[in-house]
Amino acid sequence: MKNLTIILILILTLTSCNQKEQKETILLADREAPLGWVYLRVYKDKTFEFESRGLERRGDIYSGIVELKNDTLYFHYSDSIPKAGNKALLTKRFVSYFNGDYPERLEIKKSELKSD
């Protein structure tokens, strides 16, 4: 019985270590799309996730490193680039992508970004 208890504690400890670490966000922006949502999450370590989610539970997530210069965000994607593009203008209320296949504008819900 004692060995079983030790094994259970060990399993619980190992599974809790495997959970994805929650990153601190410094920018949250989104908009409702015709059949879903578009989200932008920027984290304290300068990584980001741009997510386009339709009616299905999970959407397409594009991630990488973001750089803020003056009022422009430069997204350096790890893999593919979404159709919204890789540059956006940052204002007090919106993140507006301007060099993609279509203009994308997300409303800012939280912003603690500071320019380099």
PDB file of N, CA and C in Angstrom:
ATOM      1  N   MET A   1       0.823  -1.194   0.000  1.00  0.00           N
ATOM      2  CA  MET A   1       0.000   0.000   0.000  1.00  0.00           C
ATOM      3  C   MET A   1       0.870   1.261   0.000  1.00  0.00           C
ATOM      4  N   LYS A   2       1.974   1.197   0.781  1.00  0.00           N
ATOM      5  CA  LYS A   2       2.879   2.331   0.857  1.00  0.00           C
ATOM      6  C   LYS A   2       3.521   2.601  -0.503  1.00  0.00           C
ATOM      7  N   ASN A   3       3.905   1.545  -1.220  1.00  0.00           N
ATOM      8  CA  ASN A   3       4.497   1.693  -2.551  1.00  0.00           C
ATOM      9  C   ASN A   3       3.501   2.287  -3.537  1.00  0.00           C
ATOM     10  N   LEU A   4       2.254   1.905  -3.444  1.00  0.00           N
ATOM     11  CA  LEU A   4       1.204   2.431  -4.320  1.00  0.00           C
ATOM     12  C   LEU A   4       1.020   3.930  -4.092  1.00  0.00           C
ATOM     13  N   THR A   5       1.050   4.354  -2.852  1.00  0.00           N
ATOM     14  CA  THR A   5       0.920   5.772  -2.526  1.00  0.00           C
ATOM     15  C   THR A   5       2.088   6.566  -3.101  1.00  0.00           C
ATOM     16  N   ILE A   6       3.279   6.035  -2.969  1.00  0.00           N
ATOM     17  CA  ILE A   6       4.468   6.710  -3.503  1.00  0.00           C
ATOM     18  C   ILE A   6       4.384   6.810  -5.025  1.00  0.00           C
ATOM     19  N   ILE A   7       3.944   5.752  -5.665  1.00  0.00           N
ATOM     20  CA  ILE A   7       3.811   5.750  -7.134  1.00  0.00           C
ATOM     21  C   ILE A   7       2.773   6.782  -7.572  1.00  0.00           C
ATOM     22  N   LEU A   8       1.640   6.854  -6.886  1.00  0.00           N
ATOM     23  CA  LEU A   8       0.602   7.825  -7.233  1.00  0.00           C
ATOM     24  C   LEU A   8       1.113   9.259  -7.059  1.00  0.00           C
ATOM     25  N   ILE A   9       1.814   9.524  -5.990  1.00  0.00           N
ATOM     26  CA  ILE A   9       2.369  10.858  -5.762  1.00  0.00           C
ATOM     27  C   ILE A   9       3.371  11.197  -6.858  1.00  0.00           C
ATOM     28  N   LEU A  10       4.192  10.247  -7.227  1.00  0.00           N
ATOM     29  CA  LEU A  10       5.178  10.454  -8.281  1.00  0.00           C
ATOM     30  C   LEU A  10       4.507  10.741  -9.622  1.00  0.00           C
ATOM     31  N   ILE A  11       3.469  10.002  -9.953  1.00  0.00           N
ATOM     32  CA  ILE A  11       2.737  10.220 -11.210  1.00  0.00           C
ATOM     33  C   ILE A  11       2.088  11.597 -11.219  1.00  0.00           C
ATOM     34  N   LEU A  12       1.452  11.974 -10.124  1.00  0.00           N
ATOM     35  CA  LEU A  12       0.810  13.292 -10.049  1.00  0.00           C
ATOM     36  C   LEU A  12       1.834  14.416 -10.170  1.00  0.00           C
ATOM     37  N   THR A  13       2.976  14.242  -9.564  1.00  0.00           N
ATOM     38  CA  THR A  13       4.030  15.252  -9.647  1.00  0.00           C
ATOM     39  C   THR A  13       4.534  15.392 -11.079  1.00  0.00           C
ATOM     40  N   LEU A  14       4.775  14.294 -11.746  1.00  0.00           N
ATOM     41  CA  LEU A  14       5.280  14.330 -13.121  1.00  0.00           C
ATOM     42  C   LEU A  14       4.260  14.917 -14.085  1.00  0.00           C
ATOM     43  N   THR A  15       2.998  14.577 -13.935  1.00  0.00           N
ATOM     44  CA  THR A  15       1.975  15.111 -14.844  1.00  0.00           C
ATOM     45  C   THR A  15       1.761  16.595 -14.618  1.00  0.00           C
ATOM     46  N   SER A  16       1.898  17.074 -13.396  1.00  0.00           N
ATOM     47  CA  SER A  16       1.732  18.509 -13.160  1.00  0.00           C
ATOM     48  C   SER A  16       2.891  19.295 -13.745  1.00  0.00           C
ATOM     49  N   CYS A  17       4.062  18.699 -13.859  1.00  0.00           N
ATOM     50  CA  CYS A  17       5.227  19.371 -14.457  1.00  0.00           C
ATOM     51  C   CYS A  17       5.069  19.513 -15.965  1.00  0.00           C
ATOM     52  N   ASN A  18       4.302  18.664 -16.597  1.00  0.00           N
ATOM     53  CA  ASN A  18       4.145  18.677 -18.048  1.00  0.00           C
ATOM     54  C   ASN A  18       3.141  19.706 -18.540  1.00  0.00           C
ATOM     55  N   GLN A  19       2.393  20.335 -17.641  1.00  0.00           N
ATOM     56  CA  GLN A  19       1.405  21.308 -18.066  1.00  0.00           C
ATOM     57  C   GLN A  19       2.103  22.526 -18.657  1.00  0.00           C
ATOM     58  N   LYS A  20       1.478  23.113 -19.676  1.00  0.00           N
ATOM     59  CA  LYS A  20       2.053  24.266 -20.356  1.00  0.00           C
ATOM     60  C   LYS A  20       2.137  25.448 -19.394  1.00  0.00           C
ATOM     61  N   GLU A  21       3.324  26.033 -19.320  1.00  0.00           N
ATOM     62  CA  GLU A  21       3.536  27.165 -18.429  1.00  0.00           C
ATOM     63  C   GLU A  21       2.772  28.370 -18.963  1.00  0.00           C
ATOM     64  N   GLN A  22       2.059  29.056 -18.085  1.00  0.00           N
ATOM     65  CA  GLN A  22       1.281  30.221 -18.460  1.00  0.00           C
ATOM     66  C   GLN A  22       2.221  31.415 -18.598  1.00  0.00           C
ATOM     67  N   LYS A  23       2.253  32.035 -19.775  1.00  0.00           N
ATOM     68  CA  LYS A  23       3.089  33.202 -20.012  1.00  0.00           C
ATOM     69  C   LYS A  23       2.311  34.465 -19.669  1.00  0.00           C
ATOM     70  N   GLU A  24       3.027  35.495 -19.251  1.00  0.00           N
ATOM     71  CA  GLU A  24       2.403  36.776 -18.932  1.00  0.00           C
ATOM     72  C   GLU A  24       2.205  37.579 -20.212  1.00  0.00           C
ATOM     73  N   THR A  25       0.971  37.982 -20.475  1.00  0.00           N
ATOM     74  CA  THR A  25       0.671  38.764 -21.674  1.00  0.00           C
ATOM     75  C   THR A  25       0.866  40.252 -21.403  1.00  0.00           C
ATOM     76  N   ILE A  26       1.376  40.954 -22.429  1.00  0.00           N
ATOM     77  CA  ILE A  26       1.503  42.405 -22.332  1.00  0.00           C
ATOM     78  C   ILE A  26       0.650  43.116 -23.387  1.00  0.00           C
ATOM     79  N   LEU A  27       0.081  42.334 -24.313  1.00  0.00           N
ATOM     80  CA  LEU A  27      -0.848  42.885 -25.295  1.00  0.00           C
ATOM     81  C   LEU A  27      -1.856  41.813 -25.666  1.00  0.00           C
ATOM     82  N   LEU A  28      -3.131  42.176 -25.578  1.00  0.00           N
ATOM     83  CA  LEU A  28      -4.216  41.305 -26.022  1.00  0.00           C
ATOM     84  C   LEU A  28      -5.107  42.121 -26.940  1.00  0.00           C
ATOM     85  N   ALA A  29      -5.364  41.601 -28.134  1.00  0.00           N
ATOM     86  CA  ALA A  29      -6.225  42.272 -29.096  1.00  0.00           C
ATOM     87  C   ALA A  29      -7.007  41.211 -29.852  1.00  0.00           C
ATOM     88  N   ASP A  30      -8.234  41.563 -30.271  1.00  0.00           N
ATOM     89  CA  ASP A  30      -9.046  40.607 -31.019  1.00  0.00           C
ATOM     90  C   ASP A  30     -10.120  41.321 -31.809  1.00  0.00           C
ATOM     91  N   ARG A  31     -10.784  40.546 -32.630  1.00  0.00           N
ATOM     92  CA  ARG A  31     -11.985  41.013 -33.339  1.00  0.00           C
ATOM     93  C   ARG A  31     -12.820  39.805 -33.713  1.00  0.00           C
ATOM     94  N   GLU A  32     -14.097  40.048 -33.838  1.00  0.00           N
ATOM     95  CA  GLU A  32     -14.987  38.987 -34.289  1.00  0.00           C
ATOM     96  C   GLU A  32     -14.921  38.920 -35.808  1.00  0.00           C
ATOM     97  N   ALA A  33     -14.704  37.731 -36.327  1.00  0.00           N
ATOM     98  CA  ALA A  33     -14.684  37.504 -37.771  1.00  0.00           C
ATOM     99  C   ALA A  33     -16.062  36.997 -38.193  1.00  0.00           C
ATOM    100  N   PRO A  34     -16.352  36.947 -39.504  1.00  0.00           N
ATOM    101  CA  PRO A  34     -17.662  36.475 -39.947  1.00  0.00           C
ATOM    102  C   PRO A  34     -18.047  35.100 -39.389  1.00  0.00           C
ATOM    103  N   LEU A  35     -17.097  34.192 -39.298  1.00  0.00           N
ATOM    104  CA  LEU A  35     -17.401  32.856 -38.776  1.00  0.00           C
ATOM    105  C   LEU A  35     -16.423  32.446 -37.679  1.00  0.00           C
ATOM    106  N   GLY A  36     -16.038  33.377 -36.816  1.00  0.00           N
ATOM    107  CA  GLY A  36     -15.114  33.043 -35.745  1.00  0.00           C
ATOM    108  C   GLY A  36     -14.490  34.274 -35.124  1.00  0.00           C
ATOM    109  N   TRP A  37     -13.225  34.153 -34.743  1.00  0.00           N
ATOM    110  CA  TRP A  37     -12.495  35.230 -34.081  1.00  0.00           C
ATOM    111  C   TRP A  37     -11.060  35.280 -34.584  1.00  0.00           C
ATOM    112  N   VAL A  38     -10.437  36.449 -34.434  1.00  0.00           N
ATOM    113  CA  VAL A  38      -9.009  36.635 -34.679  1.00  0.00           C
ATOM    114  C   VAL A  38      -8.423  37.192 -33.388  1.00  0.00           C
ATOM    115  N   TYR A  39      -7.344  36.582 -32.919  1.00  0.00           N
ATOM    116  CA  TYR A  39      -6.714  36.978 -31.662  1.00  0.00           C
ATOM    117  C   TYR A  39      -5.241  37.293 -31.889  1.00  0.00           C
ATOM    118  N   LEU A  40      -4.735  38.264 -31.123  1.00  0.00           N
ATOM    119  CA  LEU A  40      -3.302  38.533 -31.061  1.00  0.00           C
ATOM    120  C   LEU A  40      -2.919  38.577 -29.585  1.00  0.00           C
ATOM    121  N   ARG A  41      -1.931  37.753 -29.226  1.00  0.00           N
ATOM    122  CA  ARG A  41      -1.413  37.730 -27.861  1.00  0.00           C
ATOM    123  C   ARG A  41       0.092  37.972 -27.935  1.00  0.00           C
ATOM    124  N   VAL A  42       0.559  39.008 -27.243  1.00  0.00           N
ATOM    125  CA  VAL A  42       1.987  39.296 -27.158  1.00  0.00           C
ATOM    126  C   VAL A  42       2.397  39.076 -25.706  1.00  0.00           C
ATOM    127  N   TYR A  43       3.489  38.349 -25.532  1.00  0.00           N
ATOM    128  CA  TYR A  43       3.945  37.984 -24.187  1.00  0.00           C
ATOM    129  C   TYR A  43       5.145  38.823 -23.767  1.00  0.00           C
ATOM    130  N   LYS A  44       5.396  38.804 -22.475  1.00  0.00           N
ATOM    131  CA  LYS A  44       6.473  39.602 -21.881  1.00  0.00           C
ATOM    132  C   LYS A  44       7.838  39.270 -22.489  1.00  0.00           C
ATOM    133  N   ASP A  45       8.063  38.036 -22.907  1.00  0.00           N
ATOM    134  CA  ASP A  45       9.347  37.624 -23.488  1.00  0.00           C
ATOM    135  C   ASP A  45       9.461  37.967 -24.982  1.00  0.00           C
ATOM    136  N   LYS A  46       8.542  38.820 -25.492  1.00  0.00           N
ATOM    137  CA  LYS A  46       8.498  39.301 -26.877  1.00  0.00           C
ATOM    138  C   LYS A  46       8.071  38.245 -27.890  1.00  0.00           C
ATOM    139  N   THR A  47       7.559  37.128 -27.415  1.00  0.00           N
ATOM    140  CA  THR A  47       6.957  36.166 -28.334  1.00  0.00           C
ATOM    141  C   THR A  47       5.500  36.559 -28.533  1.00  0.00           C
ATOM    142  N   PHE A  48       4.892  36.035 -29.588  1.00  0.00           N
ATOM    143  CA  PHE A  48       3.492  36.351 -29.856  1.00  0.00           C
ATOM    144  C   PHE A  48       2.804  35.159 -30.501  1.00  0.00           C
ATOM    145  N   GLU A  49       1.477  35.213 -30.482  1.00  0.00           N
ATOM    146  CA  GLU A  49       0.627  34.262 -31.203  1.00  0.00           C
ATOM    147  C   GLU A  49      -0.465  35.043 -31.897  1.00  0.00           C
ATOM    148  N   PHE A  50      -0.585  34.847 -33.201  1.00  0.00           N
ATOM    149  CA  PHE A  50      -1.678  35.397 -33.990  1.00  0.00           C
ATOM    150  C   PHE A  50      -2.567  34.207 -34.326  1.00  0.00           C
ATOM    151  N   GLU A  51      -3.805  34.238 -33.878  1.00  0.00           N
ATOM    152  CA  GLU A  51      -4.690  33.088 -34.065  1.00  0.00           C
ATOM    153  C   GLU A  51      -5.934  33.488 -34.832  1.00  0.00           C
ATOM    154  N   SER A  52      -6.224  32.721 -35.865  1.00  0.00           N
ATOM    155  CA  SER A  52      -7.446  32.888 -36.644  1.00  0.00           C
ATOM    156  C   SER A  52      -8.293  31.653 -36.391  1.00  0.00           C
ATOM    157  N   ARG A  53      -9.397  31.851 -35.689  1.00  0.00           N
ATOM    158  CA  ARG A  53     -10.225  30.726 -35.268  1.00  0.00           C
ATOM    159  C   ARG A  53     -11.602  30.819 -35.924  1.00  0.00           C
ATOM    160  N   GLY A  54     -11.991  29.738 -36.546  1.00  0.00           N
ATOM    161  CA  GLY A  54     -13.315  29.674 -37.156  1.00  0.00           C
ATOM    162  C   GLY A  54     -14.307  29.021 -36.216  1.00  0.00           C
ATOM    163  N   LEU A  55     -15.275  28.344 -36.768  1.00  0.00           N
ATOM    164  CA  LEU A  55     -16.288  27.689 -35.948  1.00  0.00           C
ATOM    165  C   LEU A  55     -15.733  26.502 -35.178  1.00  0.00           C
ATOM    166  N   GLU A  56     -14.662  25.917 -35.683  1.00  0.00           N
ATOM    167  CA  GLU A  56     -14.043  24.792 -34.975  1.00  0.00           C
ATOM    168  C   GLU A  56     -13.363  25.314 -33.703  1.00  0.00           C
ATOM    169  N   ARG A  57     -13.099  24.437 -32.808  1.00  0.00           N
ATOM    170  CA  ARG A  57     -12.543  24.797 -31.501  1.00  0.00           C
ATOM    171  C   ARG A  57     -11.141  25.398 -31.598  1.00  0.00           C
ATOM    172  N   ARG A  58     -10.273  24.835 -32.420  1.00  0.00           N
ATOM    173  CA  ARG A  58      -8.900  25.341 -32.579  1.00  0.00           C
ATOM    174  C   ARG A  58      -8.760  25.977 -33.946  1.00  0.00           C
ATOM    175  N   GLY A  59      -7.973  27.020 -33.988  1.00  0.00           N
ATOM    176  CA  GLY A  59      -7.753  27.702 -35.257  1.00  0.00           C
ATOM    177  C   GLY A  59      -6.310  27.587 -35.693  1.00  0.00           C
ATOM    178  N   ASP A  60      -5.959  28.390 -36.677  1.00  0.00           N
ATOM    179  CA  ASP A  60      -4.576  28.454 -37.145  1.00  0.00           C
ATOM    180  C   ASP A  60      -3.814  29.420 -36.245  1.00  0.00           C
ATOM    181  N   ILE A  61      -2.691  28.963 -35.700  1.00  0.00           N
ATOM    182  CA  ILE A  61      -1.878  29.803 -34.826  1.00  0.00           C
ATOM    183  C   ILE A  61      -0.541  30.057 -35.506  1.00  0.00           C
ATOM    184  N   TYR A  62      -0.207  31.336 -35.647  1.00  0.00           N
ATOM    185  CA  TYR A  62       1.064  31.771 -36.212  1.00  0.00           C
ATOM    186  C   TYR A  62       1.845  32.406 -35.067  1.00  0.00           C
ATOM    187  N   SER A  63       3.080  31.972 -34.858  1.00  0.00           N
ATOM    188  CA  SER A  63       3.841  32.477 -33.713  1.00  0.00           C
ATOM    189  C   SER A  63       5.223  32.950 -34.143  1.00  0.00           C
ATOM    190  N   GLY A  64       5.887  33.646 -33.240  1.00  0.00           N
ATOM    191  CA  GLY A  64       7.223  34.147 -33.504  1.00  0.00           C
ATOM    192  C   GLY A  64       7.622  35.189 -32.484  1.00  0.00           C
ATOM    193  N   ILE A  65       8.455  36.125 -32.926  1.00  0.00           N
ATOM    194  CA  ILE A  65       8.969  37.204 -32.087  1.00  0.00           C
ATOM    195  C   ILE A  65       8.447  38.526 -32.648  1.00  0.00           C
ATOM    196  N   VAL A  66       8.079  39.440 -31.752  1.00  0.00           N
ATOM    197  CA  VAL A  66       7.585  40.750 -32.174  1.00  0.00           C
ATOM    198  C   VAL A  66       8.569  41.834 -31.724  1.00  0.00           C
ATOM    199  N   GLU A  67       8.638  42.877 -32.549  1.00  0.00           N
ATOM    200  CA  GLU A  67       9.513  44.004 -32.259  1.00  0.00           C
ATOM    201  C   GLU A  67       8.689  45.286 -32.429  1.00  0.00           C
ATOM    202  N   LEU A  68       8.760  46.182 -31.456  1.00  0.00           N
ATOM    203  CA  LEU A  68       8.043  47.457 -31.522  1.00  0.00           C
ATOM    204  C   LEU A  68       9.040  48.575 -31.757  1.00  0.00           C
ATOM    205  N   LYS A  69       8.864  49.303 -32.874  1.00  0.00           N
ATOM    206  CA  LYS A  69       9.686  50.475 -33.179  1.00  0.00           C
ATOM    207  C   LYS A  69       8.734  51.636 -33.432  1.00  0.00           C
ATOM    208  N   ASN A  70       8.837  52.650 -32.595  1.00  0.00           N
ATOM    209  CA  ASN A  70       7.938  53.807 -32.639  1.00  0.00           C
ATOM    210  C   ASN A  70       6.495  53.325 -32.498  1.00  0.00           C
ATOM    211  N   ASP A  71       5.698  53.446 -33.537  1.00  0.00           N
ATOM    212  CA  ASP A  71       4.300  53.012 -33.469  1.00  0.00           C
ATOM    213  C   ASP A  71       4.020  51.806 -34.369  1.00  0.00           C
ATOM    214  N   THR A  72       5.074  51.090 -34.781  1.00  0.00           N
ATOM    215  CA  THR A  72       4.916  49.963 -35.696  1.00  0.00           C
ATOM    216  C   THR A  72       5.386  48.662 -35.049  1.00  0.00           C
ATOM    217  N   LEU A  73       4.568  47.641 -35.182  1.00  0.00           N
ATOM    218  CA  LEU A  73       4.913  46.296 -34.721  1.00  0.00           C
ATOM    219  C   LEU A  73       5.441  45.504 -35.912  1.00  0.00           C
ATOM    220  N   TYR A  74       6.591  44.857 -35.731  1.00  0.00           N
ATOM    221  CA  TYR A  74       7.186  44.005 -36.761  1.00  0.00           C
ATOM    222  C   TYR A  74       7.127  42.572 -36.243  1.00  0.00           C
ATOM    223  N   PHE A  75       6.400  41.724 -36.946  1.00  0.00           N
ATOM    224  CA  PHE A  75       6.225  40.333 -36.544  1.00  0.00           C
ATOM    225  C   PHE A  75       7.190  39.451 -37.329  1.00  0.00           C
ATOM    226  N   HIS A  76       8.060  38.764 -36.624  1.00  0.00           N
ATOM    227  CA  HIS A  76       9.012  37.833 -37.237  1.00  0.00           C
ATOM    228  C   HIS A  76       8.483  36.425 -36.960  1.00  0.00           C
ATOM    229  N   TYR A  77       7.796  35.853 -37.940  1.00  0.00           N
ATOM    230  CA  TYR A  77       7.122  34.568 -37.774  1.00  0.00           C
ATOM    231  C   TYR A  77       8.113  33.411 -37.789  1.00  0.00           C
ATOM    232  N   SER A  78       7.831  32.406 -36.985  1.00  0.00           N
ATOM    233  CA  SER A  78       8.667  31.204 -36.925  1.00  0.00           C
ATOM    234  C   SER A  78       8.497  30.341 -38.158  1.00  0.00           C
ATOM    235  N   ASP A  79       7.318  30.367 -38.730  1.00  0.00           N
ATOM    236  CA  ASP A  79       6.993  29.470 -39.838  1.00  0.00           C
ATOM    237  C   ASP A  79       6.345  30.284 -40.952  1.00  0.00           C
ATOM    238  N   SER A  80       5.099  30.048 -41.209  1.00  0.00           N
ATOM    239  CA  SER A  80       4.396  30.762 -42.275  1.00  0.00           C
ATOM    240  C   SER A  80       3.825  32.083 -41.759  1.00  0.00           C
ATOM    241  N   ILE A  81       3.532  32.973 -42.703  1.00  0.00           N
ATOM    242  CA  ILE A  81       2.991  34.300 -42.383  1.00  0.00           C
ATOM    243  C   ILE A  81       1.506  34.305 -42.742  1.00  0.00           C
ATOM    244  N   PRO A  82       0.640  34.782 -41.829  1.00  0.00           N
ATOM    245  CA  PRO A  82      -0.785  34.833 -42.163  1.00  0.00           C
ATOM    246  C   PRO A  82      -1.056  35.899 -43.223  1.00  0.00           C
ATOM    247  N   LYS A  83      -2.215  35.829 -43.829  1.00  0.00           N
ATOM    248  CA  LYS A  83      -2.568  36.760 -44.895  1.00  0.00           C
ATOM    249  C   LYS A  83      -2.683  38.200 -44.411  1.00  0.00           C
ATOM    250  N   ALA A  84      -2.766  38.404 -43.092  1.00  0.00           N
ATOM    251  CA  ALA A  84      -2.837  39.760 -42.547  1.00  0.00           C
ATOM    252  C   ALA A  84      -1.507  40.491 -42.713  1.00  0.00           C
ATOM    253  N   GLY A  85      -0.400  39.764 -42.829  1.00  0.00           N
ATOM    254  CA  GLY A  85       0.912  40.366 -43.037  1.00  0.00           C
ATOM    255  C   GLY A  85       1.789  40.321 -41.803  1.00  0.00           C
ATOM    256  N   ASN A  86       2.925  41.036 -41.878  1.00  0.00           N
ATOM    257  CA  ASN A  86       3.880  40.992 -40.768  1.00  0.00           C
ATOM    258  C   ASN A  86       4.218  42.364 -40.199  1.00  0.00           C
ATOM    259  N   LYS A  87       3.441  43.383 -40.544  1.00  0.00           N
ATOM    260  CA  LYS A  87       3.626  44.727 -39.993  1.00  0.00           C
ATOM    261  C   LYS A  87       2.272  45.283 -39.591  1.00  0.00           C
ATOM    262  N   ALA A  88       2.263  45.991 -38.455  1.00  0.00           N
ATOM    263  CA  ALA A  88       1.003  46.574 -37.984  1.00  0.00           C
ATOM    264  C   ALA A  88       1.268  47.894 -37.285  1.00  0.00           C
ATOM    265  N   LEU A  89       0.343  48.794 -37.439  1.00  0.00           N
ATOM    266  CA  LEU A  89       0.380  50.084 -36.776  1.00  0.00           C
ATOM    267  C   LEU A  89      -0.303  49.937 -35.421  1.00  0.00           C
ATOM    268  N   LEU A  90       0.333  50.454 -34.380  1.00  0.00           N
ATOM    269  CA  LEU A  90      -0.206  50.364 -33.024  1.00  0.00           C
ATOM    270  C   LEU A  90      -0.720  51.732 -32.599  1.00  0.00           C
ATOM    271  N   THR A  91      -2.012  51.800 -32.249  1.00  0.00           N
ATOM    272  CA  THR A  91      -2.595  53.015 -31.682  1.00  0.00           C
ATOM    273  C   THR A  91      -3.102  52.683 -30.286  1.00  0.00           C
ATOM    274  N   LYS A  92      -3.742  53.628 -29.630  1.00  0.00           N
ATOM    275  CA  LYS A  92      -4.246  53.370 -28.278  1.00  0.00           C
ATOM    276  C   LYS A  92      -5.337  52.304 -28.262  1.00  0.00           C
ATOM    277  N   ARG A  93      -6.111  52.215 -29.342  1.00  0.00           N
ATOM    278  CA  ARG A  93      -7.255  51.307 -29.350  1.00  0.00           C
ATOM    279  C   ARG A  93      -7.138  50.125 -30.307  1.00  0.00           C
ATOM    280  N   PHE A  94      -6.242  50.219 -31.298  1.00  0.00           N
ATOM    281  CA  PHE A  94      -6.227  49.192 -32.334  1.00  0.00           C
ATOM    282  C   PHE A  94      -4.814  48.769 -32.739  1.00  0.00           C
ATOM    283  N   VAL A  95      -4.732  47.532 -33.232  1.00  0.00           N
ATOM    284  CA  VAL A  95      -3.569  47.016 -33.944  1.00  0.00           C
ATOM    285  C   VAL A  95      -4.051  46.842 -35.379  1.00  0.00           C
ATOM    286  N   SER A  96      -3.459  47.608 -36.302  1.00  0.00           N
ATOM    287  CA  SER A  96      -3.914  47.600 -37.698  1.00  0.00           C
ATOM    288  C   SER A  96      -2.807  47.086 -38.615  1.00  0.00           C
ATOM    289  N   TYR A  97      -3.000  45.890 -39.136  1.00  0.00           N
ATOM    290  CA  TYR A  97      -2.057  45.302 -40.092  1.00  0.00           C
ATOM    291  C   TYR A  97      -2.219  46.018 -41.413  1.00  0.00           C
ATOM    292  N   PHE A  98      -1.082  46.312 -42.092  1.00  0.00           N
ATOM    293  CA  PHE A  98      -1.178  47.109 -43.311  1.00  0.00           C
ATOM    294  C   PHE A  98      -0.414  46.558 -44.500  1.00  0.00           C
ATOM    295  N   ASN A  99       0.295  45.450 -44.394  1.00  0.00           N
ATOM    296  CA  ASN A  99       1.056  44.991 -45.566  1.00  0.00           C
ATOM    297  C   ASN A  99       0.715  43.562 -45.979  1.00  0.00           C
ATOM    298  N   GLY A 100      -0.476  43.107 -45.657  1.00  0.00           N
ATOM    299  CA  GLY A 100      -0.878  41.761 -46.034  1.00  0.00           C
ATOM    300  C   GLY A 100      -1.786  41.740 -47.242  1.00  0.00           C
ATOM    301  N   ASP A 101      -2.393  40.596 -47.462  1.00  0.00           N
ATOM    302  CA  ASP A 101      -3.337  40.439 -48.572  1.00  0.00           C
ATOM    303  C   ASP A 101      -4.626  41.214 -48.329  1.00  0.00           C
ATOM    304  N   TYR A 102      -4.911  41.514 -47.078  1.00  0.00           N
ATOM    305  CA  TYR A 102      -6.096  42.292 -46.719  1.00  0.00           C
ATOM    306  C   TYR A 102      -5.777  43.068 -45.447  1.00  0.00           C
ATOM    307  N   PRO A 103      -6.442  44.200 -45.229  1.00  0.00           N
ATOM    308  CA  PRO A 103      -6.206  44.942 -43.982  1.00  0.00           C
ATOM    309  C   PRO A 103      -6.904  44.232 -42.815  1.00  0.00           C
ATOM    310  N   GLU A 104      -6.236  44.153 -41.715  1.00  0.00           N
ATOM    311  CA  GLU A 104      -6.782  43.501 -40.513  1.00  0.00           C
ATOM    312  C   GLU A 104      -6.676  44.492 -39.369  1.00  0.00           C
ATOM    313  N   ARG A 105      -7.750  44.665 -38.607  1.00  0.00           N
ATOM    314  CA  ARG A 105      -7.738  45.596 -37.485  1.00  0.00           C
ATOM    315  C   ARG A 105      -8.317  44.908 -36.254  1.00  0.00           C
ATOM    316  N   LEU A 106      -7.508  44.827 -35.203  1.00  0.00           N
ATOM    317  CA  LEU A 106      -7.906  44.171 -33.961  1.00  0.00           C
ATOM    318  C   LEU A 106      -8.028  45.210 -32.858  1.00  0.00           C
ATOM    319  N   GLU A 107      -9.064  45.086 -32.066  1.00  0.00           N
ATOM    320  CA  GLU A 107      -9.276  46.010 -30.951  1.00  0.00           C
ATOM    321  C   GLU A 107      -8.441  45.564 -29.751  1.00  0.00           C
ATOM    322  N   ILE A 108      -7.725  46.502 -29.151  1.00  0.00           N
ATOM    323  CA  ILE A 108      -6.867  46.204 -28.008  1.00  0.00           C
ATOM    324  C   ILE A 108      -7.704  46.089 -26.738  1.00  0.00           C
ATOM    325  N   LYS A 109      -7.518  44.991 -26.034  1.00  0.00           N
ATOM    326  CA  LYS A 109      -8.200  44.751 -24.758  1.00  0.00           C
ATOM    327  C   LYS A 109      -7.258  45.024 -23.584  1.00  0.00           C
ATOM    328  N   LYS A 110      -5.941  44.816 -23.803  1.00  0.00           N
ATOM    329  CA  LYS A 110      -4.916  45.050 -22.775  1.00  0.00           C
ATOM    330  C   LYS A 110      -3.644  45.458 -23.492  1.00  0.00           C
ATOM    331  N   SER A 111      -2.960  46.504 -22.973  1.00  0.00           N
ATOM    332  CA  SER A 111      -1.684  46.884 -23.572  1.00  0.00           C
ATOM    333  C   SER A 111      -0.740  47.418 -22.513  1.00  0.00           C
ATOM    334  N   GLU A 112       0.404  46.748 -22.417  1.00  0.00           N
ATOM    335  CA  GLU A 112       1.491  47.185 -21.551  1.00  0.00           C
ATOM    336  C   GLU A 112       2.797  47.186 -22.349  1.00  0.00           C
ATOM    337  N   LEU A 113       2.679  47.331 -23.669  1.00  0.00           N
ATOM    338  CA  LEU A 113       3.846  47.354 -24.551  1.00  0.00           C
ATOM    339  C   LEU A 113       4.644  48.623 -24.356  1.00  0.00           C
ATOM    340  N   LYS A 114       5.961  48.487 -24.426  1.00  0.00           N
ATOM    341  CA  LYS A 114       6.858  49.630 -24.352  1.00  0.00           C
ATOM    342  C   LYS A 114       7.815  49.556 -25.537  1.00  0.00           C
ATOM    343  N   SER A 115       8.012  50.684 -26.197  1.00  0.00           N
ATOM    344  CA  SER A 115       8.902  50.746 -27.357  1.00  0.00           C
ATOM    345  C   SER A 115      10.353  50.600 -26.923  1.00  0.00           C
ATOM    346  N   ASP A 116      11.160  49.913 -27.764  1.00  0.00           N
ATOM    347  CA  ASP A 116      12.597  49.756 -27.471  1.00  0.00           C
ATOM    348  C   ASP A 116      13.355  51.036 -27.692  1.00  0.00           C
TER     349      ASP A 116
END
